[in-house]
Amino acid sequence: NRISLDDPVERHLSRWQLPASQFDNSQVTIRRLLSHTAGLNDGLGFADYEPGEQLPSLEESLTSPRASSGDEVSFAVQNLPGEEFIYSGGSYLILELLVEEVTGMTFAAYMQATFFAPLDMNRSGYSFIGEIENSAGSYDRDGEPAVLYNYASNAATAFSTSTADLSKFVMAQLPENQSNAILSQSTITNMRQP
């Protein structure tokens, strides 16, 4: 109850703000960020970071994101918020910052305390996959082991889990799950609204 989905996201951010644009940034709501209708058109797929490469801070990623395309990308409102769906990986980076600012916790710590621990998801988190014991790793098109990359955006790209843990996460989001202590039925209903 600290936020409303229809709050302008800028109301809750102090560490970074959307740059000024021809559009009204106050129309960039949490709901619109979640549904890729906030008017951001970064189209961002986050780029890989080599093992051992220094990851940027959340604010550095918001200011100068590394795109998988190699193109120079920035986050700005470039279309009328609420007008249309335009994929924006940057929306989830902004939402990651929102979680940190509102809770006073890192995104990873918040997810651990609020979702993973209560759901008994013991093999889930945001650690570099190369450091996870008994990880399946990554493979190329020929089935050969591939480089294990690190990612700067936890909310958008860095989640790793086991199949068993993923099933617990999915089950917690089913409307039929009346014993769910994580999400209320009204939240689950809201998640399914167009």
Protein backbone atom coordinates (compact mmCIF):
# COMPACT_ATOMS: atom_id res chain seq x y z
CA ASN A 1 0.00 0.00 0.00
CA ARG A 2 2.98 2.34 -0.38
CA ILE A 3 2.24 2.94 -4.06
CA SER A 4 -0.66 2.86 -6.47
CA LEU A 5 -0.31 1.40 -9.94
CA ASP A 6 -1.59 4.70 -11.33
CA ASP A 7 0.95 6.86 -9.51
CA PRO A 8 3.40 8.73 -11.73
CA VAL A 9 6.62 6.77 -11.21
CA GLU A 10 8.58 10.01 -10.81
CA ARG A 11 6.67 10.65 -7.56
CA HIS A 12 8.64 7.81 -5.93
CA LEU A 13 12.09 8.32 -7.48
CA SER A 14 14.91 10.46 -6.14
CA ARG A 15 18.07 8.72 -7.42
CA TRP A 16 17.20 9.14 -11.11
CA GLN A 17 14.53 10.93 -13.16
CA LEU A 18 13.25 10.55 -16.70
CA PRO A 19 14.77 13.22 -18.93
CA ALA A 20 12.48 16.05 -20.04
CA SER A 21 10.67 15.43 -23.31
CA GLN A 22 7.83 16.85 -25.38
CA PHE A 23 5.47 14.58 -23.43
CA ASP A 24 4.26 14.84 -19.85
CA ASN A 25 6.49 12.54 -17.76
CA SER A 26 3.86 12.53 -15.01
CA GLN A 27 1.80 10.31 -17.33
CA VAL A 28 4.46 7.58 -17.00
CA THR A 29 2.70 5.50 -14.38
CA ILE A 30 3.72 2.28 -12.71
CA ARG A 31 0.88 0.46 -14.50
CA ARG A 32 2.09 1.76 -17.88
CA LEU A 33 5.68 0.74 -17.17
CA LEU A 34 4.49 -2.76 -16.26
CA SER A 35 2.47 -3.06 -19.48
CA HIS A 36 4.99 -1.42 -21.86
CA THR A 37 2.59 1.44 -22.57
CA ALA A 38 4.54 4.25 -20.86
CA GLY A 39 5.73 5.80 -24.11
CA LEU A 40 9.37 4.77 -23.77
CA ASN A 41 10.70 3.45 -27.03
CA ASP A 42 14.13 2.19 -26.07
CA GLY A 43 13.17 -1.29 -27.35
CA LEU A 44 15.96 -2.41 -25.09
CA GLY A 45 17.26 -5.89 -24.84
CA PHE A 46 20.03 -5.68 -22.25
CA ALA A 47 23.53 -6.58 -23.39
CA ASP A 48 25.76 -9.20 -21.86
CA TYR A 49 28.66 -8.46 -19.54
CA GLU A 50 31.67 -10.75 -19.63
CA PRO A 51 32.47 -12.71 -16.46
CA GLY A 52 34.58 -10.50 -14.23
CA GLU A 53 33.55 -7.33 -16.06
CA GLN A 54 32.46 -4.54 -13.70
CA LEU A 55 28.67 -4.16 -13.70
CA PRO A 56 27.34 -0.60 -13.75
CA SER A 57 25.20 0.72 -10.92
CA LEU A 58 21.46 0.92 -11.42
CA GLU A 59 21.71 4.67 -11.99
CA GLU A 60 24.55 4.20 -14.50
CA SER A 61 22.43 1.65 -16.38
CA LEU A 62 19.52 4.08 -16.48
CA THR A 63 21.74 6.91 -17.71
CA SER A 64 23.80 4.91 -20.24
CA PRO A 65 22.29 1.45 -20.83
CA ARG A 66 24.20 -1.18 -22.81
CA ALA A 67 21.91 -2.56 -25.50
CA SER A 68 22.20 -6.08 -26.95
CA SER A 69 22.02 -4.51 -30.42
CA GLY A 70 25.17 -2.48 -29.75
CA ASP A 71 23.19 0.67 -30.62
CA GLU A 72 23.33 3.74 -28.42
CA VAL A 73 20.12 3.74 -26.40
CA SER A 74 18.60 6.13 -23.88
CA PHE A 75 15.48 6.19 -21.77
CA ALA A 76 13.05 8.97 -22.57
CA VAL A 77 9.35 9.34 -23.19
CA GLN A 78 9.17 9.45 -26.97
CA ASN A 79 5.52 8.57 -27.51
CA LEU A 80 2.30 9.62 -25.80
CA PRO A 81 2.05 7.56 -22.57
CA GLY A 82 -0.90 5.16 -22.59
CA GLU A 83 -1.34 5.34 -26.36
CA GLU A 84 0.19 2.03 -27.51
CA PHE A 85 2.26 -1.01 -26.57
CA ILE A 86 5.96 -0.52 -27.32
CA TYR A 87 8.39 -3.01 -25.80
CA SER A 88 10.72 -1.33 -23.31
CA GLY A 89 13.28 -3.28 -21.32
CA GLY A 90 14.08 0.06 -19.72
CA SER A 91 10.64 0.09 -18.09
CA TYR A 92 11.70 -2.82 -15.90
CA LEU A 93 14.97 -1.15 -14.99
CA ILE A 94 12.94 1.88 -13.82
CA LEU A 95 10.63 -0.46 -11.88
CA GLU A 96 13.67 -2.07 -10.25
CA LEU A 97 14.73 1.38 -9.06
CA LEU A 98 11.18 2.02 -7.83
CA VAL A 99 11.26 -1.11 -5.67
CA GLU A 100 14.59 -0.07 -4.18
CA GLU A 101 13.48 3.50 -3.48
CA VAL A 102 10.13 2.55 -1.94
CA THR A 103 11.42 -0.35 0.19
CA GLY A 104 14.90 0.87 1.09
CA MET A 105 16.22 -2.56 0.08
CA THR A 106 18.11 -3.77 -2.95
CA PHE A 107 15.82 -5.35 -5.53
CA ALA A 108 17.45 -8.76 -4.98
CA ALA A 109 17.03 -8.53 -1.17
CA TYR A 110 13.39 -7.43 -1.54
CA MET A 111 12.57 -10.34 -3.85
CA GLN A 112 14.32 -12.78 -1.52
CA ALA A 113 12.46 -11.57 1.57
CA THR A 114 9.06 -11.02 -0.03
CA PHE A 115 8.75 -13.82 -2.58
CA PHE A 116 11.53 -16.39 -2.65
CA ALA A 117 11.84 -17.16 1.08
CA PRO A 118 8.07 -17.27 1.78
CA LEU A 119 7.53 -19.52 -1.26
CA ASP A 120 10.46 -21.75 -0.22
CA MET A 121 12.26 -20.95 -3.46
CA ASN A 122 15.75 -21.96 -2.33
CA ARG A 123 17.40 -22.03 -5.77
CA SER A 124 16.32 -18.63 -7.05
CA GLY A 125 17.93 -15.23 -7.14
CA TYR A 126 20.06 -12.77 -9.05
CA SER A 127 23.53 -14.24 -8.61
CA PHE A 128 25.82 -14.60 -11.61
CA ILE A 129 24.87 -17.97 -13.09
CA GLY A 130 28.54 -18.95 -13.31
CA GLU A 131 28.69 -18.87 -9.50
CA ILE A 132 25.59 -21.01 -8.91
CA GLU A 133 26.35 -24.56 -7.81
CA ASN A 134 24.99 -27.26 -10.10
CA SER A 135 23.83 -24.76 -12.74
CA ALA A 136 22.83 -26.08 -16.15
CA GLY A 137 24.83 -23.26 -17.73
CA SER A 138 24.32 -21.91 -21.24
CA TYR A 139 24.77 -23.58 -24.59
CA ASP A 140 25.19 -22.44 -28.17
CA ARG A 141 23.18 -23.59 -31.21
CA ASP A 142 25.36 -26.67 -31.56
CA GLY A 143 24.80 -27.73 -27.97
CA GLU A 144 28.30 -26.74 -26.92
CA PRO A 145 28.89 -24.88 -23.63
CA ALA A 146 28.66 -21.12 -24.18
CA VAL A 147 30.07 -18.19 -22.25
CA LEU A 148 28.10 -17.46 -19.10
CA TYR A 149 27.27 -13.77 -19.11
CA ASN A 150 26.34 -11.41 -16.32
CA TYR A 151 23.52 -8.84 -16.57
CA ALA A 152 23.14 -5.34 -15.14
CA SER A 153 19.35 -5.40 -14.87
CA ASN A 154 18.05 -7.76 -12.21
CA ALA A 155 14.36 -7.10 -12.86
CA ALA A 156 14.59 -7.53 -16.62
CA THR A 157 17.31 -10.11 -17.26
CA ALA A 158 19.28 -11.50 -14.31
CA PHE A 159 16.80 -13.86 -12.63
CA SER A 160 17.91 -17.47 -12.38
CA THR A 161 15.93 -20.30 -10.86
CA SER A 162 15.36 -24.04 -10.89
CA THR A 163 12.38 -25.68 -12.55
CA ALA A 164 10.95 -26.62 -9.14
CA ASP A 165 11.25 -23.04 -7.86
CA LEU A 166 9.77 -21.61 -11.05
CA SER A 167 6.73 -23.85 -10.62
CA LYS A 168 6.26 -22.48 -7.07
CA PHE A 169 6.42 -18.93 -8.44
CA VAL A 170 3.83 -19.72 -11.13
CA MET A 171 1.53 -21.51 -8.67
CA ALA A 172 1.55 -18.44 -6.40
CA GLN A 173 0.07 -16.42 -9.27
CA LEU A 174 -2.86 -18.71 -10.04
CA PRO A 175 -6.31 -17.35 -9.11
CA GLU A 176 -7.31 -20.82 -7.90
CA ASN A 177 -4.56 -20.81 -5.26
CA GLN A 178 -6.63 -19.73 -2.24
CA SER A 179 -3.84 -20.57 0.23
CA ASN A 180 -1.53 -18.00 -1.32
CA ALA A 181 0.08 -15.88 1.38
CA ILE A 182 2.08 -13.81 -1.10
CA LEU A 183 -0.45 -12.25 -3.48
CA SER A 184 -4.02 -11.30 -2.64
CA GLN A 185 -6.81 -12.38 -4.95
CA SER A 186 -7.38 -8.73 -5.92
CA THR A 187 -3.71 -8.42 -6.91
CA ILE A 188 -3.92 -11.59 -9.01
CA THR A 189 -7.08 -10.25 -10.68
CA ASN A 190 -5.35 -6.90 -11.36
CA MET A 191 -2.38 -8.72 -12.92
CA ARG A 192 -4.69 -10.21 -15.54
CA GLN A 193 -6.43 -6.98 -16.56
CA PRO A 194 -5.73 -5.87 -20.14
